[in-house]
Amino acid sequence: MSARIARWGAWVALVALIFLCVAWELFLAPLKPGGSWMVLKVVPLLFPVFGILRGKRYTFQWTTLLIWLYFAEGVTRAWSDRGLSARLGALEVVLSLAYFACAIGFIRQRRA
């Protein structure tokens, strides 16, 4: 995988995860009717967006640790919830793993 493809793949997965989390907690399957404060879980994902877009290696490094929080939430909710919320949890797992794979691919291509 080239560094360019890995960078764009990571960016697409990150932005898709942001949109998924916002839609999930506001419209699709919120914890409370009408939306919930859980939508704030997207805030940590907003910090690395421009660093990922610019290809900053350090941003890729620290976000590989951050993304595991979203993976863990996705696994938990896919396992414990029912219906649409469980499917959204599974999608969160897939996007988290896609981001992680692309980030690791980018880091390996850009070794110092």
N, C-alpha and C. Protein backbone atom coordinates (compact mmCIF):
# COMPACT_ATOMS: atom_id res chain seq x y z
N MET A 1 0.85 -1.17 0.00
CA MET A 1 0.00 0.00 0.00
C MET A 1 0.90 1.24 0.00
N SER A 2 0.65 2.15 -0.91
CA SER A 2 1.45 3.37 -0.95
C SER A 2 1.02 4.32 0.16
N ALA A 3 1.91 5.23 0.51
CA ALA A 3 1.62 6.19 1.57
C ALA A 3 0.45 7.08 1.19
N ARG A 4 0.35 7.43 -0.07
CA ARG A 4 -0.76 8.30 -0.52
C ARG A 4 -2.11 7.62 -0.37
N ILE A 5 -2.18 6.37 -0.79
CA ILE A 5 -3.43 5.61 -0.67
C ILE A 5 -3.78 5.40 0.81
N ALA A 6 -2.78 5.08 1.62
CA ALA A 6 -3.00 4.88 3.05
C ALA A 6 -3.50 6.16 3.71
N ARG A 7 -2.91 7.30 3.33
CA ARG A 7 -3.33 8.57 3.92
C ARG A 7 -4.78 8.88 3.57
N TRP A 8 -5.14 8.72 2.31
CA TRP A 8 -6.52 9.00 1.91
C TRP A 8 -7.50 7.99 2.49
N GLY A 9 -7.10 6.74 2.57
CA GLY A 9 -7.95 5.73 3.19
C GLY A 9 -8.22 6.03 4.66
N ALA A 10 -7.17 6.46 5.36
CA ALA A 10 -7.33 6.82 6.77
C ALA A 10 -8.24 8.04 6.90
N TRP A 11 -8.06 9.02 6.04
CA TRP A 11 -8.89 10.22 6.10
C TRP A 11 -10.36 9.90 5.83
N VAL A 12 -10.61 9.08 4.83
CA VAL A 12 -11.99 8.69 4.51
C VAL A 12 -12.62 7.92 5.66
N ALA A 13 -11.88 6.98 6.24
CA ALA A 13 -12.40 6.20 7.37
C ALA A 13 -12.67 7.09 8.57
N LEU A 14 -11.78 8.05 8.83
CA LEU A 14 -11.97 8.97 9.96
C LEU A 14 -13.20 9.85 9.77
N VAL A 15 -13.34 10.43 8.60
CA VAL A 15 -14.50 11.30 8.32
C VAL A 15 -15.79 10.48 8.35
N ALA A 16 -15.76 9.27 7.81
CA ALA A 16 -16.94 8.40 7.85
C ALA A 16 -17.30 8.06 9.30
N LEU A 17 -16.31 7.83 10.13
CA LEU A 17 -16.56 7.54 11.55
C LEU A 17 -17.16 8.75 12.26
N ILE A 18 -16.69 9.94 11.92
CA ILE A 18 -17.26 11.16 12.50
C ILE A 18 -18.73 11.28 12.12
N PHE A 19 -19.04 11.14 10.84
CA PHE A 19 -20.43 11.25 10.39
C PHE A 19 -21.30 10.15 11.00
N LEU A 20 -20.76 8.93 11.10
CA LEU A 20 -21.51 7.83 11.71
C LEU A 20 -21.86 8.15 13.15
N CYS A 21 -20.88 8.61 13.93
CA CYS A 21 -21.12 8.89 15.35
C CYS A 21 -22.14 10.01 15.53
N VAL A 22 -22.07 11.04 14.72
CA VAL A 22 -23.02 12.15 14.83
C VAL A 22 -24.42 11.67 14.46
N ALA A 23 -24.54 10.99 13.34
CA ALA A 23 -25.86 10.52 12.90
C ALA A 23 -26.44 9.50 13.88
N TRP A 24 -25.60 8.63 14.38
CA TRP A 24 -26.03 7.60 15.32
C TRP A 24 -26.64 8.22 16.57
N GLU A 25 -25.94 9.18 17.16
CA GLU A 25 -26.38 9.72 18.44
C GLU A 25 -27.42 10.84 18.32
N LEU A 26 -27.61 11.39 17.13
CA LEU A 26 -28.62 12.43 16.98
C LEU A 26 -29.90 11.95 16.29
N PHE A 27 -29.76 11.06 15.29
CA PHE A 27 -30.92 10.71 14.47
C PHE A 27 -31.24 9.22 14.42
N LEU A 28 -30.24 8.40 14.16
CA LEU A 28 -30.49 7.00 13.81
C LEU A 28 -30.93 6.14 14.99
N ALA A 29 -30.13 6.13 16.06
CA ALA A 29 -30.46 5.30 17.23
C ALA A 29 -29.90 5.93 18.50
N PRO A 30 -30.36 7.13 18.86
CA PRO A 30 -29.82 7.78 20.06
C PRO A 30 -30.21 7.04 21.33
N LEU A 31 -29.43 7.24 22.37
CA LEU A 31 -29.74 6.61 23.65
C LEU A 31 -31.05 7.14 24.22
N LYS A 32 -31.33 8.42 23.98
CA LYS A 32 -32.58 9.04 24.42
C LYS A 32 -33.30 9.60 23.19
N PRO A 33 -34.60 9.55 23.16
CA PRO A 33 -35.33 10.12 22.01
C PRO A 33 -34.99 11.60 21.83
N GLY A 34 -34.77 11.98 20.58
CA GLY A 34 -34.44 13.37 20.28
C GLY A 34 -32.95 13.67 20.31
N GLY A 35 -32.13 12.66 20.52
CA GLY A 35 -30.68 12.87 20.55
C GLY A 35 -30.14 12.81 21.97
N SER A 36 -28.85 12.64 22.07
CA SER A 36 -28.24 12.56 23.40
C SER A 36 -26.90 13.27 23.41
N TRP A 37 -26.40 13.51 24.61
CA TRP A 37 -25.11 14.15 24.78
C TRP A 37 -23.97 13.23 24.35
N MET A 38 -24.26 11.99 24.07
CA MET A 38 -23.23 11.06 23.60
C MET A 38 -22.63 11.51 22.27
N VAL A 39 -23.29 12.43 21.60
CA VAL A 39 -22.76 12.95 20.34
C VAL A 39 -21.40 13.63 20.58
N LEU A 40 -21.13 14.03 21.80
CA LEU A 40 -19.84 14.66 22.11
C LEU A 40 -18.66 13.70 21.99
N LYS A 41 -18.95 12.41 21.85
CA LYS A 41 -17.86 11.45 21.67
C LYS A 41 -17.10 11.70 20.36
N VAL A 42 -17.68 12.48 19.48
CA VAL A 42 -17.05 12.77 18.20
C VAL A 42 -15.95 13.84 18.32
N VAL A 43 -15.96 14.62 19.38
CA VAL A 43 -15.01 15.72 19.54
C VAL A 43 -13.55 15.27 19.43
N PRO A 44 -13.12 14.20 20.11
CA PRO A 44 -11.71 13.79 19.95
C PRO A 44 -11.34 13.42 18.52
N LEU A 45 -12.31 13.00 17.73
CA LEU A 45 -12.02 12.65 16.34
C LEU A 45 -11.81 13.88 15.45
N LEU A 46 -12.26 15.03 15.90
CA LEU A 46 -12.12 16.25 15.11
C LEU A 46 -10.69 16.80 15.16
N PHE A 47 -9.99 16.56 16.26
CA PHE A 47 -8.64 17.11 16.41
C PHE A 47 -7.65 16.62 15.34
N PRO A 48 -7.64 15.35 14.98
CA PRO A 48 -6.62 14.91 14.02
C PRO A 48 -6.98 15.09 12.54
N VAL A 49 -8.15 15.59 12.21
CA VAL A 49 -8.59 15.63 10.81
C VAL A 49 -7.57 16.33 9.91
N PHE A 50 -7.14 17.53 10.27
CA PHE A 50 -6.22 18.27 9.40
C PHE A 50 -4.82 17.68 9.40
N GLY A 51 -4.39 17.12 10.52
CA GLY A 51 -3.09 16.45 10.55
C GLY A 51 -3.06 15.23 9.65
N ILE A 52 -4.17 14.50 9.62
CA ILE A 52 -4.27 13.33 8.74
C ILE A 52 -4.28 13.78 7.28
N LEU A 53 -5.05 14.82 7.01
CA LEU A 53 -5.14 15.34 5.64
C LEU A 53 -3.79 15.84 5.13
N ARG A 54 -3.01 16.42 6.02
CA ARG A 54 -1.68 16.94 5.65
C ARG A 54 -0.59 15.87 5.69
N GLY A 55 -0.92 14.69 6.16
CA GLY A 55 0.06 13.60 6.18
C GLY A 55 1.10 13.71 7.28
N LYS A 56 0.72 14.22 8.43
CA LYS A 56 1.67 14.36 9.54
C LYS A 56 1.81 13.02 10.27
N ARG A 57 3.00 12.50 10.23
CA ARG A 57 3.27 11.17 10.78
C ARG A 57 2.92 11.07 12.26
N TYR A 58 3.23 12.10 13.02
CA TYR A 58 2.94 12.09 14.46
C TYR A 58 1.44 11.96 14.72
N THR A 59 0.63 12.63 13.91
CA THR A 59 -0.83 12.53 14.07
C THR A 59 -1.29 11.10 13.84
N PHE A 60 -0.74 10.47 12.81
CA PHE A 60 -1.09 9.07 12.56
C PHE A 60 -0.70 8.19 13.74
N GLN A 61 0.44 8.47 14.34
CA GLN A 61 0.92 7.65 15.45
C GLN A 61 -0.01 7.73 16.66
N TRP A 62 -0.36 8.94 17.09
CA TRP A 62 -1.18 9.02 18.30
C TRP A 62 -2.63 8.64 18.05
N THR A 63 -3.10 8.77 16.83
CA THR A 63 -4.49 8.38 16.58
C THR A 63 -4.67 6.87 16.51
N THR A 64 -3.58 6.13 16.29
CA THR A 64 -3.71 4.67 16.33
C THR A 64 -4.06 4.20 17.74
N LEU A 65 -3.73 4.99 18.74
CA LEU A 65 -4.13 4.68 20.12
C LEU A 65 -5.56 5.15 20.39
N LEU A 66 -5.90 6.33 19.90
CA LEU A 66 -7.23 6.89 20.10
C LEU A 66 -8.33 6.02 19.47
N ILE A 67 -8.06 5.48 18.32
CA ILE A 67 -9.09 4.77 17.56
C ILE A 67 -9.58 3.53 18.29
N TRP A 68 -8.76 2.98 19.19
CA TRP A 68 -9.17 1.78 19.92
C TRP A 68 -10.33 2.05 20.88
N LEU A 69 -10.50 3.30 21.32
CA LEU A 69 -11.67 3.64 22.14
C LEU A 69 -12.96 3.46 21.35
N TYR A 70 -12.93 3.85 20.08
CA TYR A 70 -14.12 3.72 19.23
C TYR A 70 -14.35 2.26 18.83
N PHE A 71 -13.26 1.54 18.66
CA PHE A 71 -13.38 0.10 18.40
C PHE A 71 -14.05 -0.59 19.59
N ALA A 72 -13.58 -0.27 20.80
CA ALA A 72 -14.15 -0.89 22.01
C ALA A 72 -15.62 -0.54 22.18
N GLU A 73 -15.98 0.72 21.91
CA GLU A 73 -17.38 1.10 22.02
C GLU A 73 -18.22 0.35 20.98
N GLY A 74 -17.70 0.24 19.77
CA GLY A 74 -18.43 -0.46 18.71
C GLY A 74 -18.65 -1.92 19.05
N VAL A 75 -17.63 -2.58 19.57
CA VAL A 75 -17.76 -3.99 19.96
C VAL A 75 -18.78 -4.14 21.08
N THR A 76 -18.69 -3.26 22.07
CA THR A 76 -19.62 -3.32 23.20
C THR A 76 -21.06 -3.13 22.75
N ARG A 77 -21.28 -2.13 21.92
CA ARG A 77 -22.65 -1.85 21.50
C ARG A 77 -23.15 -2.85 20.47
N ALA A 78 -22.29 -3.39 19.65
CA ALA A 78 -22.70 -4.44 18.71
C ALA A 78 -23.11 -5.70 19.47
N TRP A 79 -22.44 -5.96 20.58
CA TRP A 79 -22.71 -7.15 21.38
C TRP A 79 -23.93 -6.97 22.27
N SER A 80 -24.08 -5.78 22.87
CA SER A 80 -25.11 -5.62 23.90
C SER A 80 -26.41 -4.98 23.40
N ASP A 81 -26.35 -4.18 22.35
CA ASP A 81 -27.56 -3.54 21.85
C ASP A 81 -28.31 -4.46 20.89
N ARG A 82 -29.47 -4.00 20.50
CA ARG A 82 -30.31 -4.76 19.56
C ARG A 82 -30.64 -3.88 18.36
N GLY A 83 -30.98 -4.51 17.26
CA GLY A 83 -31.49 -3.80 16.09
C GLY A 83 -30.47 -2.90 15.43
N LEU A 84 -30.93 -1.70 15.05
CA LEU A 84 -30.09 -0.76 14.30
C LEU A 84 -28.85 -0.35 15.09
N SER A 85 -28.98 -0.17 16.38
CA SER A 85 -27.84 0.23 17.19
C SER A 85 -26.73 -0.82 17.16
N ALA A 86 -27.08 -2.08 17.14
CA ALA A 86 -26.08 -3.14 17.06
C ALA A 86 -25.38 -3.12 15.70
N ARG A 87 -26.14 -2.88 14.64
CA ARG A 87 -25.53 -2.81 13.30
C ARG A 87 -24.63 -1.59 13.17
N LEU A 88 -25.03 -0.48 13.78
CA LEU A 88 -24.18 0.71 13.77
C LEU A 88 -22.90 0.48 14.57
N GLY A 89 -23.00 -0.28 15.64
CA GLY A 89 -21.82 -0.65 16.41
C GLY A 89 -20.86 -1.49 15.58
N ALA A 90 -21.40 -2.41 14.82
CA ALA A 90 -20.56 -3.23 13.93
C ALA A 90 -19.90 -2.37 12.86
N LEU A 91 -20.63 -1.40 12.34
CA LEU A 91 -20.05 -0.49 11.35
C LEU A 91 -18.95 0.36 11.97
N GLU A 92 -19.13 0.76 13.22
CA GLU A 92 -18.09 1.51 13.93
C GLU A 92 -16.83 0.66 14.08
N VAL A 93 -16.99 -0.62 14.33
CA VAL A 93 -15.84 -1.53 14.42
C VAL A 93 -15.12 -1.60 13.09
N VAL A 94 -15.86 -1.75 12.01
CA VAL A 94 -15.27 -1.85 10.67
C VAL A 94 -14.51 -0.57 10.33
N LEU A 95 -15.11 0.59 10.58
CA LEU A 95 -14.44 1.85 10.27
C LEU A 95 -13.20 2.06 11.14
N SER A 96 -13.27 1.66 12.39
CA SER A 96 -12.11 1.78 13.28
C SER A 96 -10.96 0.91 12.79
N LEU A 97 -11.27 -0.32 12.40
CA LEU A 97 -10.23 -1.21 11.90
C LEU A 97 -9.66 -0.73 10.57
N ALA A 98 -10.53 -0.19 9.72
CA ALA A 98 -10.06 0.36 8.44
C ALA A 98 -9.11 1.53 8.68
N TYR A 99 -9.49 2.41 9.61
CA TYR A 99 -8.61 3.54 9.94
C TYR A 99 -7.27 3.03 10.47
N PHE A 100 -7.32 2.10 11.39
CA PHE A 100 -6.09 1.58 12.00
C PHE A 100 -5.18 0.96 10.94
N ALA A 101 -5.74 0.16 10.05
CA ALA A 101 -4.94 -0.48 9.01
C ALA A 101 -4.30 0.56 8.09
N CYS A 102 -5.06 1.56 7.69
CA CYS A 102 -4.51 2.60 6.82
C CYS A 102 -3.46 3.43 7.54
N ALA A 103 -3.69 3.74 8.81
CA ALA A 103 -2.72 4.53 9.58
C ALA A 103 -1.41 3.76 9.75
N ILE A 104 -1.50 2.49 10.05
CA ILE A 104 -0.29 1.68 10.18
C ILE A 104 0.43 1.58 8.83
N GLY A 105 -0.32 1.42 7.75
CA GLY A 105 0.28 1.40 6.42
C GLY A 105 1.01 2.69 6.12
N PHE A 106 0.42 3.81 6.46
CA PHE A 106 1.07 5.11 6.24
C PHE A 106 2.33 5.24 7.08
N ILE A 107 2.25 4.88 8.35
CA ILE A 107 3.40 4.99 9.24
C ILE A 107 4.55 4.13 8.74
N ARG A 108 4.26 2.94 8.30
CA ARG A 108 5.32 2.04 7.78
C ARG A 108 5.97 2.61 6.52
N GLN A 109 5.17 3.24 5.68
CA GLN A 109 5.73 3.83 4.45
C GLN A 109 6.58 5.06 4.75
N ARG A 110 6.28 5.75 5.84
CA ARG A 110 6.96 7.00 6.18
C ARG A 110 7.95 6.85 7.33
N ARG A 111 8.51 5.68 7.49
CA ARG A 111 9.50 5.48 8.57
C ARG A 111 10.65 6.46 8.43
N ALA A 112 11.15 6.90 9.57
CA ALA A 112 12.28 7.86 9.55
C ALA A 112 13.57 7.15 9.22
